[in-house]
Amino acid sequence: MIETVKSNFMWQDGVIVILVIVCWFLFRRHPTPTREMLEPLLQTAAAVGLHLDVSSSKALADSLDHAVVNIVLHFY
C-alpha cells in the first residue's frame, strides 16, 4: 500500500516537472524585433498593398489582424 502511494506521488512529481518545462517553452520571452528584422515582411506586405505598423508588438498584431480581415473580405 505504501509503495503504491509512493509510486503515485513520484508519478505526480514527474507530471508537474513536465508541465513546468512545457510552460517554460510556451511562455519564454523573445527579444523585441527590430525594424531591420521585419524589413522583408514590410517589403512583401507593401508589394501586395498592405500597410503594417511595426511601432510596437501590439500595433503589429493589430495591423496583421486588420490585414487578414481585409483579405478575407476581399475574397468573399
Protein backbone atom coordinates (compact mmCIF):
# COMPACT_ATOMS: atom_id res chain seq x y z
CA MET A 1 0.00 0.00 0.00
CA ILE A 2 2.76 2.45 0.94
CA GLU A 3 4.67 1.58 -2.23
CA THR A 4 1.57 2.36 -4.32
CA VAL A 5 1.15 5.76 -2.64
CA LYS A 6 4.86 6.49 -3.07
CA SER A 7 4.62 5.48 -6.73
CA ASN A 8 1.63 7.76 -7.28
CA PHE A 9 3.45 10.72 -5.74
CA MET A 10 6.50 10.05 -7.91
CA TRP A 11 4.26 9.95 -10.97
CA GLN A 12 2.61 13.23 -9.97
CA ASP A 13 6.03 14.83 -9.41
CA GLY A 14 7.04 13.76 -12.90
CA VAL A 15 3.88 15.25 -14.39
CA ILE A 16 4.48 18.54 -12.56
CA VAL A 17 8.06 18.72 -13.86
CA ILE A 18 6.87 18.08 -17.42
CA LEU A 19 4.21 20.80 -17.10
CA VAL A 20 6.76 23.30 -15.82
CA ILE A 21 9.10 22.55 -18.72
CA VAL A 22 6.30 22.81 -21.29
CA CYS A 23 5.09 26.11 -19.80
CA TRP A 24 8.62 27.48 -19.86
CA PHE A 25 8.92 26.72 -23.58
CA LEU A 26 5.46 28.11 -24.36
CA PHE A 27 5.82 31.34 -22.41
CA ARG A 28 9.50 32.13 -22.85
CA ARG A 29 10.36 35.68 -23.75
CA HIS A 30 11.69 36.64 -27.15
CA PRO A 31 13.72 39.75 -27.90
CA THR A 32 11.76 42.64 -29.36
CA PRO A 33 12.02 42.51 -33.15
CA THR A 34 13.84 45.39 -34.80
CA ARG A 35 12.77 47.17 -37.96
CA GLU A 36 15.69 45.53 -39.80
CA MET A 37 14.40 42.09 -38.83
CA LEU A 38 10.93 42.97 -40.14
CA GLU A 39 12.06 44.70 -43.35
CA PRO A 40 11.49 41.65 -45.62
CA LEU A 41 7.98 41.28 -44.20
CA LEU A 42 7.28 45.00 -44.70
CA GLN A 43 8.52 44.89 -48.31
CA THR A 44 6.40 41.85 -49.11
CA ALA A 45 3.34 43.37 -47.47
CA ALA A 46 3.84 46.63 -49.35
CA ALA A 47 4.14 44.72 -52.63
CA VAL A 48 0.62 43.34 -52.16
CA GLY A 49 -0.79 46.63 -50.86
CA LEU A 50 -0.79 46.01 -47.10
CA HIS A 51 0.40 48.53 -44.54
CA LEU A 52 1.91 47.02 -41.40
CA ASP A 53 2.60 49.17 -38.34
CA VAL A 54 5.73 47.89 -36.58
CA SER A 55 6.00 50.65 -33.97
CA SER A 56 5.15 48.10 -31.24
CA SER A 57 4.20 44.45 -30.90
CA LYS A 58 0.58 45.43 -30.24
CA ALA A 59 0.49 47.69 -33.30
CA LEU A 60 1.94 44.90 -35.46
CA ALA A 61 -0.61 42.40 -34.14
CA ASP A 62 -3.47 44.83 -34.77
CA SER A 63 -2.30 45.65 -38.29
CA LEU A 64 -1.92 41.93 -39.09
CA ASP A 65 -5.44 41.29 -37.78
CA HIS A 66 -6.75 44.15 -39.90
CA ALA A 67 -4.88 42.85 -42.95
CA VAL A 68 -6.36 39.37 -42.54
CA VAL A 69 -9.88 40.78 -42.26
CA ASN A 70 -9.37 42.87 -45.39
CA ILE A 71 -8.00 39.91 -47.35
CA VAL A 72 -10.85 37.63 -46.25
CA LEU A 73 -13.47 40.27 -47.10
CA HIS A 74 -11.80 40.89 -50.45
CA PHE A 75 -12.22 37.25 -51.49
CA TYR A 76 -15.88 36.96 -50.49
